[in-house]
Amino acid sequence: MSIPPPEVIKVKERIVACDGGEGPLGHPRVFLDLGDEGRVECPYCDRLFILEGGPADRDETAEDGGADAAAA
């Protein structure tokens, strides 16, 4: 059983920046590459970034039982 990430953010670019949010509760800004899988998790705050329309986006929709699940 896996624990879901605290936040899932869908993005349109393969390179994303994460600073953990605004203010003093954040972390140093890091730039993350979504790679061939179209997903990456921030090593500081565990936010999950997913490339819209990428392989990970289709996988997540299928797991949620969305409309794409029937087409898969």
Foldseek 3Di string as FASTA:
>chain_A
DDDDAPAEAEDADQKDWAQQDDDPVTHPIDIDGCPQQQWDADPPRRYIYGYVPHNVNLVVCLVVVHPSVVVD
